[in-house]
PDB file of N, CA and C in Angstrom:
ATOM      1  N   MET A   1    -158.198 -23.173  35.337  1.00  0.00           N
ATOM      2  CA  MET A   1    -157.484 -22.890  36.569  1.00  0.00           C
ATOM      3  C   MET A   1    -158.231 -21.885  37.429  1.00  0.00           C
ATOM      4  N   PHE A   2    -158.635 -20.754  36.796  1.00  0.00           N
ATOM      5  CA  PHE A   2    -159.365 -19.732  37.519  1.00  0.00           C
ATOM      6  C   PHE A   2    -160.687 -20.216  38.050  1.00  0.00           C
ATOM      7  N   LYS A   3    -161.383 -20.998  37.217  1.00  0.00           N
ATOM      8  CA  LYS A   3    -162.685 -21.571  37.604  1.00  0.00           C
ATOM      9  C   LYS A   3    -162.526 -22.508  38.818  1.00  0.00           C
ATOM     10  N   GLY A   4    -161.464 -23.304  38.803  1.00  0.00           N
ATOM     11  CA  GLY A   4    -161.169 -24.187  39.903  1.00  0.00           C
ATOM     12  C   GLY A   4    -160.868 -23.451  41.193  1.00  0.00           C
ATOM     13  N   LEU A   5    -160.143 -22.323  41.048  1.00  0.00           N
ATOM     14  CA  LEU A   5    -159.849 -21.492  42.262  1.00  0.00           C
ATOM     15  C   LEU A   5    -161.090 -20.879  42.826  1.00  0.00           C
ATOM     16  N   VAL A   6    -162.020 -20.461  41.963  1.00  0.00           N
ATOM     17  CA  VAL A   6    -163.286 -19.904  42.424  1.00  0.00           C
ATOM     18  C   VAL A   6    -164.081 -20.950  43.120  1.00  0.00           C
ATOM     19  N   SER A   7    -164.078 -22.192  42.576  1.00  0.00           N
ATOM     20  CA  SER A   7    -164.812 -23.263  43.228  1.00  0.00           C
ATOM     21  C   SER A   7    -164.177 -23.602  44.595  1.00  0.00           C
ATOM     22  N   LEU A   8    -162.874 -23.605  44.650  1.00  0.00           N
ATOM     23  CA  LEU A   8    -162.199 -23.871  45.916  1.00  0.00           C
ATOM     24  C   LEU A   8    -162.556 -22.835  47.006  1.00  0.00           C
ATOM     25  N   VAL A   9    -162.471 -21.582  46.625  1.00  0.00           N
ATOM     26  CA  VAL A   9    -162.771 -20.507  47.571  1.00  0.00           C
ATOM     27  C   VAL A   9    -164.248 -20.578  47.961  1.00  0.00           C
ATOM     28  N   GLY A  10    -165.167 -20.924  47.035  1.00  0.00           N
ATOM     29  CA  GLY A  10    -166.543 -21.096  47.372  1.00  0.00           C
ATOM     30  C   GLY A  10    -166.766 -22.233  48.332  1.00  0.00           C
ATOM     31  N   PHE A  11    -166.089 -23.347  48.103  1.00  0.00           N
ATOM     32  CA  PHE A  11    -166.225 -24.496  49.008  1.00  0.00           C
ATOM     33  C   PHE A  11    -165.718 -24.149  50.394  1.00  0.00           C
ATOM     34  N   LEU A  12    -164.553 -23.512  50.458  1.00  0.00           N
ATOM     35  CA  LEU A  12    -163.974 -23.142  51.758  1.00  0.00           C
ATOM     36  C   LEU A  12    -164.874 -22.137  52.509  1.00  0.00           C
ATOM     37  N   TRP A  13    -165.503 -21.220  51.771  1.00  0.00           N
ATOM     38  CA  TRP A  13    -166.351 -20.246  52.387  1.00  0.00           C
ATOM     39  C   TRP A  13    -167.518 -20.907  53.086  1.00  0.00           C
ATOM     40  N   VAL A  14    -168.145 -21.916  52.414  1.00  0.00           N
ATOM     41  CA  VAL A  14    -169.247 -22.603  52.980  1.00  0.00           C
ATOM     42  C   VAL A  14    -168.820 -23.555  54.074  1.00  0.00           C
ATOM     43  N   ALA A  15    -167.711 -24.255  53.841  1.00  0.00           N
ATOM     44  CA  ALA A  15    -167.249 -25.293  54.802  1.00  0.00           C
ATOM     45  C   ALA A  15    -166.692 -24.710  56.098  1.00  0.00           C
ATOM     46  N   THR A  16    -166.244 -23.501  56.064  1.00  0.00           N
ATOM     47  CA  THR A  16    -165.630 -22.898  57.249  1.00  0.00           C
ATOM     48  C   THR A  16    -166.534 -21.851  57.940  1.00  0.00           C
ATOM     49  N   LYS A  17    -167.793 -21.934  57.696  1.00  0.00           N
ATOM     50  CA  LYS A  17    -168.765 -20.965  58.325  1.00  0.00           C
ATOM     51  C   LYS A  17    -168.521 -20.987  59.836  1.00  0.00           C
ATOM     52  N   GLY A  18    -168.310 -19.794  60.380  1.00  0.00           N
ATOM     53  CA  GLY A  18    -168.075 -19.652  61.827  1.00  0.00           C
ATOM     54  C   GLY A  18    -166.638 -19.788  62.203  1.00  0.00           C
ATOM     55  N   SER A  19    -165.791 -20.238  61.268  1.00  0.00           N
ATOM     56  CA  SER A  19    -164.342 -20.419  61.573  1.00  0.00           C
ATOM     57  C   SER A  19    -163.529 -19.972  60.370  1.00  0.00           C
ATOM     58  N   ARG A  20    -163.930 -18.977  59.644  1.00  0.00           N
ATOM     59  CA  ARG A  20    -163.268 -18.620  58.436  1.00  0.00           C
ATOM     60  C   ARG A  20    -161.851 -18.204  58.557  1.00  0.00           C
ATOM     61  N   LEU A  21    -161.481 -17.582  59.686  1.00  0.00           N
ATOM     62  CA  LEU A  21    -160.104 -17.122  59.884  1.00  0.00           C
ATOM     63  C   LEU A  21    -159.275 -18.267  60.508  1.00  0.00           C
ATOM     64  N   ARG A  22    -159.955 -19.346  60.955  1.00  0.00           N
ATOM     65  CA  ARG A  22    -159.288 -20.515  61.546  1.00  0.00           C
ATOM     66  C   ARG A  22    -159.945 -21.782  60.982  1.00  0.00           C
ATOM     67  N   PRO A  23    -159.753 -22.085  59.714  1.00  0.00           N
ATOM     68  CA  PRO A  23    -160.444 -23.215  59.108  1.00  0.00           C
ATOM     69  C   PRO A  23    -160.159 -24.547  59.772  1.00  0.00           C
ATOM     70  N   TRP A  24    -159.037 -24.701  60.432  1.00  0.00           N
ATOM     71  CA  TRP A  24    -158.762 -25.953  61.134  1.00  0.00           C
ATOM     72  C   TRP A  24    -159.670 -26.164  62.312  1.00  0.00           C
ATOM     73  N   ARG A  25    -160.422 -25.155  62.738  1.00  0.00           N
ATOM     74  CA  ARG A  25    -161.376 -25.278  63.844  1.00  0.00           C
ATOM     75  C   ARG A  25    -162.799 -25.539  63.339  1.00  0.00           C
ATOM     76  N   SER A  26    -162.998 -25.518  62.069  1.00  0.00           N
ATOM     77  CA  SER A  26    -164.327 -25.771  61.492  1.00  0.00           C
ATOM     78  C   SER A  26    -164.744 -27.216  61.807  1.00  0.00           C
ATOM     79  N   GLU A  27    -165.915 -27.388  62.397  1.00  0.00           N
ATOM     80  CA  GLU A  27    -166.395 -28.718  62.733  1.00  0.00           C
ATOM     81  C   GLU A  27    -166.522 -29.593  61.477  1.00  0.00           C
ATOM     82  N   TYR A  28    -167.041 -28.980  60.392  1.00  0.00           N
ATOM     83  CA  TYR A  28    -167.192 -29.751  59.194  1.00  0.00           C
ATOM     84  C   TYR A  28    -165.860 -30.197  58.619  1.00  0.00           C
ATOM     85  N   LEU A  29    -164.871 -29.294  58.528  1.00  0.00           N
ATOM     86  CA  LEU A  29    -163.583 -29.691  57.958  1.00  0.00           C
ATOM     87  C   LEU A  29    -162.857 -30.670  58.890  1.00  0.00           C
ATOM     88  N   ARG A  30    -163.011 -30.525  60.194  1.00  0.00           N
ATOM     89  CA  ARG A  30    -162.436 -31.498  61.125  1.00  0.00           C
ATOM     90  C   ARG A  30    -162.969 -32.888  60.883  1.00  0.00           C
ATOM     91  N   TRP A  31    -164.284 -32.936  60.709  1.00  0.00           N
ATOM     92  CA  TRP A  31    -164.910 -34.238  60.430  1.00  0.00           C
ATOM     93  C   TRP A  31    -164.456 -34.835  59.133  1.00  0.00           C
ATOM     94  N   ARG A  32    -164.332 -33.979  58.095  1.00  0.00           N
ATOM     95  CA  ARG A  32    -163.865 -34.473  56.799  1.00  0.00           C
ATOM     96  C   ARG A  32    -162.393 -34.928  56.867  1.00  0.00           C
ATOM     97  N   VAL A  33    -161.560 -34.185  57.578  1.00  0.00           N
ATOM     98  CA  VAL A  33    -160.128 -34.586  57.710  1.00  0.00           C
ATOM     99  C   VAL A  33    -160.050 -35.913  58.518  1.00  0.00           C
ATOM    100  N   GLU A  34    -160.881 -35.995  59.576  1.00  0.00           N
ATOM    101  CA  GLU A  34    -160.864 -37.247  60.338  1.00  0.00           C
ATOM    102  C   GLU A  34    -161.323 -38.446  59.448  1.00  0.00           C
ATOM    103  N   THR A  35    -162.330 -38.246  58.671  1.00  0.00           N
ATOM    104  CA  THR A  35    -162.812 -39.290  57.800  1.00  0.00           C
ATOM    105  C   THR A  35    -161.769 -39.681  56.754  1.00  0.00           C
ATOM    106  N   TYR A  36    -161.089 -38.691  56.165  1.00  0.00           N
ATOM    107  CA  TYR A  36    -160.154 -38.943  55.106  1.00  0.00           C
ATOM    108  C   TYR A  36    -158.840 -39.528  55.637  1.00  0.00           C
ATOM    109  N   SER A  37    -158.284 -38.942  56.725  1.00  0.00           N
ATOM    110  CA  SER A  37    -156.959 -39.319  57.180  1.00  0.00           C
ATOM    111  C   SER A  37    -156.950 -40.283  58.332  1.00  0.00           C
ATOM    112  N   GLY A  38    -158.036 -40.317  59.065  1.00  0.00           N
ATOM    113  CA  GLY A  38    -158.078 -41.209  60.264  1.00  0.00           C
ATOM    114  C   GLY A  38    -157.517 -40.514  61.507  1.00  0.00           C
ATOM    115  N   LYS A  39    -157.031 -39.279  61.369  1.00  0.00           N
ATOM    116  CA  LYS A  39    -156.560 -38.540  62.545  1.00  0.00           C
ATOM    117  C   LYS A  39    -157.736 -38.015  63.338  1.00  0.00           C
ATOM    118  N   THR A  40    -157.727 -38.148  64.611  1.00  0.00           N
ATOM    119  CA  THR A  40    -158.794 -37.767  65.489  1.00  0.00           C
ATOM    120  C   THR A  40    -159.053 -36.251  65.349  1.00  0.00           C
ATOM    121  N   ALA A  41    -160.336 -35.902  65.105  1.00  0.00           N
ATOM    122  CA  ALA A  41    -160.681 -34.490  64.897  1.00  0.00           C
ATOM    123  C   ALA A  41    -160.345 -33.614  66.069  1.00  0.00           C
ATOM    124  N   GLY A  42    -160.468 -34.143  67.262  1.00  0.00           N
ATOM    125  CA  GLY A  42    -160.211 -33.342  68.447  1.00  0.00           C
ATOM    126  C   GLY A  42    -158.757 -32.960  68.588  1.00  0.00           C
ATOM    127  N   SER A  43    -157.820 -33.702  68.019  1.00  0.00           N
ATOM    128  CA  SER A  43    -156.401 -33.398  68.146  1.00  0.00           C
ATOM    129  C   SER A  43    -155.854 -32.651  66.909  1.00  0.00           C
ATOM    130  N   LEU A  44    -156.739 -32.261  66.028  1.00  0.00           N
ATOM    131  CA  LEU A  44    -156.277 -31.583  64.774  1.00  0.00           C
ATOM    132  C   LEU A  44    -155.762 -30.196  65.073  1.00  0.00           C
ATOM    133  N   ARG A  45    -154.567 -29.897  64.607  1.00  0.00           N
ATOM    134  CA  ARG A  45    -153.932 -28.580  64.778  1.00  0.00           C
ATOM    135  C   ARG A  45    -153.665 -27.941  63.404  1.00  0.00           C
ATOM    136  N   ILE A  46    -153.308 -26.711  63.418  1.00  0.00           N
ATOM    137  CA  ILE A  46    -153.056 -26.023  62.090  1.00  0.00           C
ATOM    138  C   ILE A  46    -151.991 -26.762  61.312  1.00  0.00           C
ATOM    139  N   ARG A  47    -150.951 -27.227  62.005  1.00  0.00           N
ATOM    140  CA  ARG A  47    -149.861 -27.972  61.321  1.00  0.00           C
ATOM    141  C   ARG A  47    -150.360 -29.209  60.608  1.00  0.00           C
ATOM    142  N   ASP A  48    -151.278 -29.925  61.261  1.00  0.00           N
ATOM    143  CA  ASP A  48    -151.867 -31.130  60.684  1.00  0.00           C
ATOM    144  C   ASP A  48    -152.744 -30.767  59.487  1.00  0.00           C
ATOM    145  N   PHE A  49    -153.546 -29.727  59.660  1.00  0.00           N
ATOM    146  CA  PHE A  49    -154.478 -29.289  58.629  1.00  0.00           C
ATOM    147  C   PHE A  49    -153.703 -28.884  57.376  1.00  0.00           C
ATOM    148  N   LEU A  50    -152.746 -28.030  57.535  1.00  0.00           N
ATOM    149  CA  LEU A  50    -151.959 -27.546  56.393  1.00  0.00           C
ATOM    150  C   LEU A  50    -151.105 -28.626  55.796  1.00  0.00           C
ATOM    151  N   GLY A  51    -150.556 -29.488  56.613  1.00  0.00           N
ATOM    152  CA  GLY A  51    -149.753 -30.593  56.116  1.00  0.00           C
ATOM    153  C   GLY A  51    -150.593 -31.530  55.235  1.00  0.00           C
ATOM    154  N   LEU A  52    -151.769 -31.820  55.689  1.00  0.00           N
ATOM    155  CA  LEU A  52    -152.663 -32.702  54.868  1.00  0.00           C
ATOM    156  C   LEU A  52    -153.047 -32.050  53.553  1.00  0.00           C
ATOM    157  N   PHE A  53    -153.405 -30.752  53.555  1.00  0.00           N
ATOM    158  CA  PHE A  53    -153.759 -30.121  52.351  1.00  0.00           C
ATOM    159  C   PHE A  53    -152.603 -29.978  51.423  1.00  0.00           C
ATOM    160  N   PHE A  54    -151.407 -29.775  51.942  1.00  0.00           N
ATOM    161  CA  PHE A  54    -150.255 -29.697  51.089  1.00  0.00           C
ATOM    162  C   PHE A  54    -149.884 -31.026  50.500  1.00  0.00           C
ATOM    163  N   SER A  55    -149.861 -32.065  51.299  1.00  0.00           N
ATOM    164  CA  SER A  55    -149.468 -33.374  50.836  1.00  0.00           C
ATOM    165  C   SER A  55    -150.513 -33.987  49.907  1.00  0.00           C
ATOM    166  N   GLU A  56    -151.744 -33.594  50.012  1.00  0.00           N
ATOM    167  CA  GLU A  56    -152.838 -34.158  49.227  1.00  0.00           C
ATOM    168  C   GLU A  56    -153.374 -33.126  48.227  1.00  0.00           C
ATOM    169  N   ARG A  57    -152.596 -32.148  47.798  1.00  0.00           N
ATOM    170  CA  ARG A  57    -153.084 -31.087  46.954  1.00  0.00           C
ATOM    171  C   ARG A  57    -153.632 -31.582  45.654  1.00  0.00           C
ATOM    172  N   ARG A  58    -153.065 -32.633  45.102  1.00  0.00           N
ATOM    173  CA  ARG A  58    -153.606 -33.128  43.788  1.00  0.00           C
ATOM    174  C   ARG A  58    -154.967 -33.733  43.964  1.00  0.00           C
ATOM    175  N   GLN A  59    -155.169 -34.466  45.049  1.00  0.00           N
ATOM    176  CA  GLN A  59    -156.497 -35.024  45.347  1.00  0.00           C
ATOM    177  C   GLN A  59    -157.498 -33.871  45.628  1.00  0.00           C
ATOM    178  N   MET A  60    -157.055 -32.858  46.324  1.00  0.00           N
ATOM    179  CA  MET A  60    -157.949 -31.720  46.615  1.00  0.00           C
ATOM    180  C   MET A  60    -158.314 -30.995  45.314  1.00  0.00           C
ATOM    181  N   THR A  61    -157.359 -30.860  44.436  1.00  0.00           N
ATOM    182  CA  THR A  61    -157.624 -30.255  43.130  1.00  0.00           C
ATOM    183  C   THR A  61    -158.655 -31.063  42.324  1.00  0.00           C
ATOM    184  N   ARG A  62    -158.501 -32.399  42.321  1.00  0.00           N
ATOM    185  CA  ARG A  62    -159.461 -33.275  41.661  1.00  0.00           C
ATOM    186  C   ARG A  62    -160.836 -33.136  42.294  1.00  0.00           C
ATOM    187  N   PHE A  63    -160.869 -33.078  43.594  1.00  0.00           N
ATOM    188  CA  PHE A  63    -162.152 -32.950  44.333  1.00  0.00           C
ATOM    189  C   PHE A  63    -162.875 -31.625  43.920  1.00  0.00           C
ATOM    190  N   VAL A  64    -162.098 -30.553  43.893  1.00  0.00           N
ATOM    191  CA  VAL A  64    -162.720 -29.251  43.566  1.00  0.00           C
ATOM    192  C   VAL A  64    -163.232 -29.255  42.131  1.00  0.00           C
ATOM    193  N   ARG A  65    -162.475 -29.867  41.207  1.00  0.00           N
ATOM    194  CA  ARG A  65    -162.960 -29.936  39.829  1.00  0.00           C
ATOM    195  C   ARG A  65    -164.226 -30.791  39.716  1.00  0.00           C
ATOM    196  N   TRP A  66    -164.232 -31.876  40.450  1.00  0.00           N
ATOM    197  CA  TRP A  66    -165.404 -32.792  40.446  1.00  0.00           C
ATOM    198  C   TRP A  66    -166.601 -32.017  41.043  1.00  0.00           C
ATOM    199  N   MET A  67    -166.345 -31.298  42.129  1.00  0.00           N
ATOM    200  CA  MET A  67    -167.434 -30.532  42.773  1.00  0.00           C
ATOM    201  C   MET A  67    -167.996 -29.522  41.826  1.00  0.00           C
ATOM    202  N   GLY A  68    -167.154 -28.864  41.006  1.00  0.00           N
ATOM    203  CA  GLY A  68    -167.627 -27.926  40.046  1.00  0.00           C
ATOM    204  C   GLY A  68    -168.522 -28.583  38.970  1.00  0.00           C
ATOM    205  N   GLU A  69    -168.082 -29.746  38.551  1.00  0.00           N
ATOM    206  CA  GLU A  69    -168.922 -30.513  37.586  1.00  0.00           C
ATOM    207  C   GLU A  69    -170.267 -30.873  38.123  1.00  0.00           C
ATOM    208  N   VAL A  70    -170.276 -31.350  39.345  1.00  0.00           N
ATOM    209  CA  VAL A  70    -171.525 -31.726  39.983  1.00  0.00           C
ATOM    210  C   VAL A  70    -172.423 -30.532  40.171  1.00  0.00           C
ATOM    211  N   ARG A  71    -171.857 -29.446  40.578  1.00  0.00           N
ATOM    212  CA  ARG A  71    -172.610 -28.178  40.789  1.00  0.00           C
ATOM    213  C   ARG A  71    -173.185 -27.734  39.454  1.00  0.00           C
ATOM    214  N   GLY A  72    -172.386 -27.837  38.327  1.00  0.00           N
ATOM    215  CA  GLY A  72    -172.882 -27.460  37.028  1.00  0.00           C
ATOM    216  C   GLY A  72    -174.055 -28.330  36.607  1.00  0.00           C
ATOM    217  N   LEU A  73    -173.933 -29.631  36.862  1.00  0.00           N
ATOM    218  CA  LEU A  73    -175.051 -30.548  36.527  1.00  0.00           C
ATOM    219  C   LEU A  73    -176.289 -30.231  37.330  1.00  0.00           C
ATOM    220  N   ALA A  74    -176.115 -29.902  38.592  1.00  0.00           N
ATOM    221  CA  ALA A  74    -177.254 -29.602  39.439  1.00  0.00           C
ATOM    222  C   ALA A  74    -177.936 -28.325  39.034  1.00  0.00           C
ATOM    223  N   GLU A  75    -177.164 -27.383  38.461  1.00  0.00           N
ATOM    224  CA  GLU A  75    -177.720 -26.115  38.025  1.00  0.00           C
ATOM    225  C   GLU A  75    -178.205 -26.191  36.569  1.00  0.00           C
ATOM    226  N   GLY A  76    -178.063 -27.336  35.932  1.00  0.00           N
ATOM    227  CA  GLY A  76    -178.552 -27.518  34.595  1.00  0.00           C
ATOM    228  C   GLY A  76    -177.628 -27.030  33.487  1.00  0.00           C
ATOM    229  N   LYS A  77    -176.346 -26.775  33.828  1.00  0.00           N
ATOM    230  CA  LYS A  77    -175.399 -26.270  32.861  1.00  0.00           C
ATOM    231  C   LYS A  77    -174.659 -27.396  32.078  1.00  0.00           C
ATOM    232  N   GLY A  78    -174.824 -28.602  32.568  1.00  0.00           N
ATOM    233  CA  GLY A  78    -174.058 -29.716  31.977  1.00  0.00           C
ATOM    234  C   GLY A  78    -174.835 -30.522  31.024  1.00  0.00           C
ATOM    235  N   GLU A  79    -176.047 -30.118  30.665  1.00  0.00           N
ATOM    236  CA  GLU A  79    -176.864 -30.936  29.793  1.00  0.00           C
ATOM    237  C   GLU A  79    -176.503 -30.832  28.374  1.00  0.00           C
TER     238      GLU A  79
END
């Protein structure tokens, strides 16, 4: 659990560069949300951003775990 939380915070830190206090304005996250949900990135608001993350929290948790596994393999920890 703690390792997953650290991975999530690390991902958000990188993904929201330049928009850390307003992650829904991050160009990268807007693009990812648009790709995932089909909602136009230009019309994305905080309500939409938080609603998506809340409704898809299980998928987000799986993504963060997978990302940690991939990062571990890339760093040579998974051999």
